[in-house]
């Protein structure tokens, strides 16, 4: 679970304008942060299948956001992928 301060820092780093909290870039960044934290948790707790299912859902959701962004604006997609070091 992301703490408020950490989430605000991620949003501030990836937002397009001052009040941007829902653009695909911000959503992908937040999901990536949550995925990283959950992956660390699962390395320690290997049998936590409930959290593993949540991780898979988040990865699929992030993939969907990235596909949308790639389809709508290729340059923004490439910027996000490079900034988050996804591929």
N, C-alpha and C. Protein backbone atom coordinates (compact mmCIF):
# COMPACT_ATOMS: atom_id res chain seq x y z
N UNK A 1 0.83 -1.17 0.00
CA UNK A 1 0.00 0.00 0.00
C UNK A 1 0.88 1.24 0.00
N UNK A 2 0.61 2.15 -0.90
CA UNK A 2 1.39 3.38 -0.99
C UNK A 2 0.97 4.38 0.08
N UNK A 3 1.93 4.98 0.71
CA UNK A 3 1.66 6.05 1.66
C UNK A 3 1.33 7.32 0.86
N UNK A 4 0.60 8.22 1.48
CA UNK A 4 0.14 9.42 0.80
C UNK A 4 1.30 10.27 0.28
N UNK A 5 2.31 10.44 1.09
CA UNK A 5 3.46 11.27 0.69
C UNK A 5 4.17 10.68 -0.52
N UNK A 6 4.36 9.37 -0.51
CA UNK A 6 5.05 8.72 -1.62
C UNK A 6 4.22 8.79 -2.90
N UNK A 7 2.91 8.62 -2.76
CA UNK A 7 2.02 8.70 -3.92
C UNK A 7 2.01 10.11 -4.50
N UNK A 8 1.99 11.12 -3.63
CA UNK A 8 2.02 12.50 -4.09
C UNK A 8 3.33 12.81 -4.81
N UNK A 9 4.43 12.24 -4.33
CA UNK A 9 5.72 12.46 -4.99
C UNK A 9 5.73 11.83 -6.38
N UNK A 10 5.15 10.64 -6.50
CA UNK A 10 5.08 9.97 -7.81
C UNK A 10 4.20 10.78 -8.76
N UNK A 11 3.07 11.26 -8.27
CA UNK A 11 2.17 12.06 -9.11
C UNK A 11 2.86 13.34 -9.54
N UNK A 12 3.52 14.02 -8.63
CA UNK A 12 4.20 15.28 -8.95
C UNK A 12 5.29 15.08 -9.99
N UNK A 13 5.97 13.95 -9.93
CA UNK A 13 7.06 13.68 -10.86
C UNK A 13 6.56 13.40 -12.28
N UNK A 14 5.37 12.81 -12.41
CA UNK A 14 4.89 12.36 -13.72
C UNK A 14 3.71 13.15 -14.26
N UNK A 15 3.22 14.16 -13.55
CA UNK A 15 2.05 14.88 -14.01
C UNK A 15 2.38 15.79 -15.19
N UNK A 16 1.37 16.04 -16.01
CA UNK A 16 1.53 16.88 -17.19
C UNK A 16 1.30 18.35 -16.84
N UNK A 17 0.30 18.63 -16.01
CA UNK A 17 0.03 19.98 -15.54
C UNK A 17 -0.22 19.94 -14.03
N UNK A 18 -0.47 21.09 -13.43
CA UNK A 18 -0.53 21.19 -11.96
C UNK A 18 -1.58 20.31 -11.30
N UNK A 19 -2.76 20.19 -11.90
CA UNK A 19 -3.84 19.44 -11.27
C UNK A 19 -4.03 18.06 -11.87
N UNK A 20 -3.03 17.56 -12.55
CA UNK A 20 -3.13 16.27 -13.22
C UNK A 20 -2.90 15.13 -12.23
N UNK A 21 -3.94 14.32 -12.02
CA UNK A 21 -3.80 13.15 -11.17
C UNK A 21 -4.30 11.88 -11.86
N UNK A 22 -4.88 12.01 -13.05
CA UNK A 22 -5.50 10.85 -13.68
C UNK A 22 -5.04 10.55 -15.08
N UNK A 23 -4.02 11.23 -15.57
CA UNK A 23 -3.55 10.95 -16.93
C UNK A 23 -2.93 9.54 -16.96
N UNK A 24 -2.85 8.94 -18.14
CA UNK A 24 -2.27 7.61 -18.23
C UNK A 24 -0.84 7.53 -17.68
N UNK A 25 -0.07 8.58 -17.87
CA UNK A 25 1.30 8.59 -17.36
C UNK A 25 1.33 8.46 -15.84
N UNK A 26 0.47 9.22 -15.19
CA UNK A 26 0.41 9.19 -13.72
C UNK A 26 -0.08 7.83 -13.25
N UNK A 27 -1.11 7.30 -13.90
CA UNK A 27 -1.66 6.01 -13.49
C UNK A 27 -0.64 4.90 -13.66
N UNK A 28 0.11 4.92 -14.76
CA UNK A 28 1.14 3.89 -14.99
C UNK A 28 2.24 4.02 -13.94
N UNK A 29 2.61 5.24 -13.60
CA UNK A 29 3.66 5.45 -12.60
C UNK A 29 3.23 4.94 -11.23
N UNK A 30 1.99 5.23 -10.85
CA UNK A 30 1.48 4.75 -9.56
C UNK A 30 1.41 3.23 -9.54
N UNK A 31 0.90 2.65 -10.62
CA UNK A 31 0.83 1.19 -10.69
C UNK A 31 2.22 0.57 -10.63
N UNK A 32 3.18 1.17 -11.31
CA UNK A 32 4.54 0.64 -11.30
C UNK A 32 5.13 0.66 -9.90
N UNK A 33 4.88 1.72 -9.17
CA UNK A 33 5.37 1.82 -7.79
C UNK A 33 4.73 0.75 -6.91
N UNK A 34 3.41 0.59 -7.05
CA UNK A 34 2.71 -0.44 -6.27
C UNK A 34 3.19 -1.84 -6.64
N UNK A 35 3.44 -2.07 -7.93
CA UNK A 35 3.92 -3.38 -8.38
C UNK A 35 5.28 -3.67 -7.78
N UNK A 36 6.16 -2.68 -7.76
CA UNK A 36 7.49 -2.88 -7.18
C UNK A 36 7.41 -3.24 -5.70
N UNK A 37 6.55 -2.52 -4.96
CA UNK A 37 6.41 -2.80 -3.53
C UNK A 37 5.84 -4.19 -3.28
N UNK A 38 4.84 -4.57 -4.08
CA UNK A 38 4.22 -5.87 -3.90
C UNK A 38 5.17 -7.00 -4.31
N UNK A 39 6.00 -6.76 -5.31
CA UNK A 39 6.98 -7.77 -5.71
C UNK A 39 7.98 -8.02 -4.59
N UNK A 40 8.39 -6.95 -3.90
CA UNK A 40 9.29 -7.12 -2.74
C UNK A 40 8.62 -7.95 -1.66
N UNK A 41 7.34 -7.67 -1.41
CA UNK A 41 6.59 -8.41 -0.41
C UNK A 41 6.53 -9.89 -0.77
N UNK A 42 6.28 -10.19 -2.05
CA UNK A 42 6.12 -11.58 -2.48
C UNK A 42 7.44 -12.35 -2.48
N UNK A 43 8.57 -11.65 -2.59
CA UNK A 43 9.85 -12.35 -2.48
C UNK A 43 10.05 -12.88 -1.07
N UNK A 44 9.53 -12.16 -0.10
CA UNK A 44 9.65 -12.57 1.29
C UNK A 44 8.57 -13.59 1.68
N UNK A 45 7.36 -13.39 1.17
CA UNK A 45 6.22 -14.24 1.52
C UNK A 45 5.78 -15.01 0.27
N UNK A 46 6.46 -16.09 -0.01
CA UNK A 46 6.27 -16.83 -1.26
C UNK A 46 4.90 -17.48 -1.39
N UNK A 47 4.25 -17.79 -0.28
CA UNK A 47 2.97 -18.50 -0.36
C UNK A 47 1.75 -17.58 -0.28
N UNK A 48 1.95 -16.30 -0.39
CA UNK A 48 0.85 -15.33 -0.31
C UNK A 48 0.17 -15.22 -1.67
N UNK A 49 -0.72 -16.16 -1.94
CA UNK A 49 -1.36 -16.23 -3.25
C UNK A 49 -2.40 -15.14 -3.47
N UNK A 50 -3.00 -14.64 -2.43
CA UNK A 50 -3.97 -13.55 -2.57
C UNK A 50 -3.28 -12.29 -3.09
N UNK A 51 -2.13 -11.98 -2.53
CA UNK A 51 -1.39 -10.81 -3.00
C UNK A 51 -0.83 -11.04 -4.40
N UNK A 52 -0.47 -12.26 -4.70
CA UNK A 52 0.04 -12.58 -6.04
C UNK A 52 -1.02 -12.33 -7.10
N UNK A 53 -2.27 -12.66 -6.77
CA UNK A 53 -3.37 -12.41 -7.71
C UNK A 53 -3.55 -10.91 -7.92
N UNK A 54 -3.45 -10.14 -6.84
CA UNK A 54 -3.55 -8.68 -6.96
C UNK A 54 -2.43 -8.11 -7.80
N UNK A 55 -1.23 -8.68 -7.65
CA UNK A 55 -0.09 -8.25 -8.46
C UNK A 55 -0.36 -8.49 -9.93
N UNK A 56 -0.87 -9.65 -10.26
CA UNK A 56 -1.16 -9.97 -11.66
C UNK A 56 -2.22 -9.04 -12.24
N UNK A 57 -3.21 -8.68 -11.42
CA UNK A 57 -4.24 -7.74 -11.88
C UNK A 57 -3.65 -6.36 -12.13
N UNK A 58 -2.74 -5.93 -11.25
CA UNK A 58 -2.10 -4.63 -11.44
C UNK A 58 -1.23 -4.60 -12.69
N UNK A 59 -0.50 -5.69 -12.93
CA UNK A 59 0.35 -5.77 -14.12
C UNK A 59 -0.52 -5.69 -15.39
N UNK A 60 -1.65 -6.40 -15.37
CA UNK A 60 -2.55 -6.37 -16.52
C UNK A 60 -3.15 -4.98 -16.70
N UNK A 61 -3.49 -4.31 -15.61
CA UNK A 61 -4.04 -2.96 -15.69
C UNK A 61 -3.00 -1.99 -16.24
N UNK A 62 -1.77 -2.11 -15.79
CA UNK A 62 -0.71 -1.25 -16.30
C UNK A 62 -0.49 -1.49 -17.79
N UNK A 63 -0.52 -2.74 -18.20
CA UNK A 63 -0.36 -3.08 -19.62
C UNK A 63 -1.48 -2.45 -20.45
N UNK A 64 -2.71 -2.46 -19.93
CA UNK A 64 -3.84 -1.87 -20.62
C UNK A 64 -3.65 -0.35 -20.77
N UNK A 65 -3.21 0.31 -19.71
CA UNK A 65 -2.95 1.74 -19.79
C UNK A 65 -1.85 2.05 -20.80
N UNK A 66 -0.81 1.23 -20.83
CA UNK A 66 0.28 1.46 -21.76
C UNK A 66 -0.17 1.24 -23.22
N UNK A 67 -1.00 0.25 -23.45
CA UNK A 67 -1.52 0.02 -24.80
C UNK A 67 -2.35 1.21 -25.26
N UNK A 68 -3.18 1.73 -24.35
CA UNK A 68 -3.99 2.90 -24.67
C UNK A 68 -3.10 4.08 -25.03
N UNK A 69 -2.09 4.33 -24.22
CA UNK A 69 -1.20 5.46 -24.44
C UNK A 69 -0.42 5.29 -25.74
N UNK A 70 0.00 4.07 -26.04
CA UNK A 70 0.73 3.81 -27.29
C UNK A 70 -0.17 4.08 -28.49
N UNK A 71 -1.42 3.70 -28.37
CA UNK A 71 -2.36 3.88 -29.47
C UNK A 71 -2.70 5.36 -29.68
N UNK A 72 -2.84 6.12 -28.60
CA UNK A 72 -3.26 7.51 -28.70
C UNK A 72 -2.11 8.48 -28.98
N UNK A 73 -0.97 8.26 -28.33
CA UNK A 73 0.14 9.21 -28.48
C UNK A 73 1.47 8.47 -28.28
N UNK A 74 2.08 8.10 -29.37
CA UNK A 74 3.29 7.29 -29.35
C UNK A 74 4.45 7.97 -28.60
N UNK A 75 4.60 9.28 -28.77
CA UNK A 75 5.73 9.96 -28.13
C UNK A 75 5.58 9.98 -26.60
N UNK A 76 4.36 10.20 -26.11
CA UNK A 76 4.14 10.16 -24.66
C UNK A 76 4.38 8.75 -24.12
N UNK A 77 3.98 7.75 -24.87
CA UNK A 77 4.21 6.35 -24.49
C UNK A 77 5.70 6.08 -24.34
N UNK A 78 6.46 6.48 -25.34
CA UNK A 78 7.91 6.23 -25.31
C UNK A 78 8.57 6.97 -24.15
N UNK A 79 8.10 8.17 -23.86
CA UNK A 79 8.64 8.94 -22.74
C UNK A 79 8.39 8.22 -21.41
N UNK A 80 7.17 7.72 -21.23
CA UNK A 80 6.82 7.03 -19.98
C UNK A 80 7.63 5.75 -19.83
N UNK A 81 7.74 4.99 -20.90
CA UNK A 81 8.48 3.73 -20.84
C UNK A 81 9.95 3.98 -20.51
N UNK A 82 10.51 5.02 -21.11
CA UNK A 82 11.92 5.35 -20.85
C UNK A 82 12.09 5.84 -19.41
N UNK A 83 11.17 6.70 -18.95
CA UNK A 83 11.29 7.29 -17.61
C UNK A 83 11.14 6.22 -16.52
N UNK A 84 10.24 5.26 -16.74
CA UNK A 84 10.00 4.22 -15.74
C UNK A 84 10.86 2.97 -15.95
N UNK A 85 11.63 2.97 -17.04
CA UNK A 85 12.50 1.83 -17.39
C UNK A 85 11.73 0.53 -17.42
N UNK A 86 10.65 0.51 -18.23
CA UNK A 86 9.79 -0.67 -18.28
C UNK A 86 10.22 -1.71 -19.29
N UNK A 87 10.70 -1.29 -20.45
CA UNK A 87 11.05 -2.28 -21.46
C UNK A 87 12.50 -2.18 -21.84
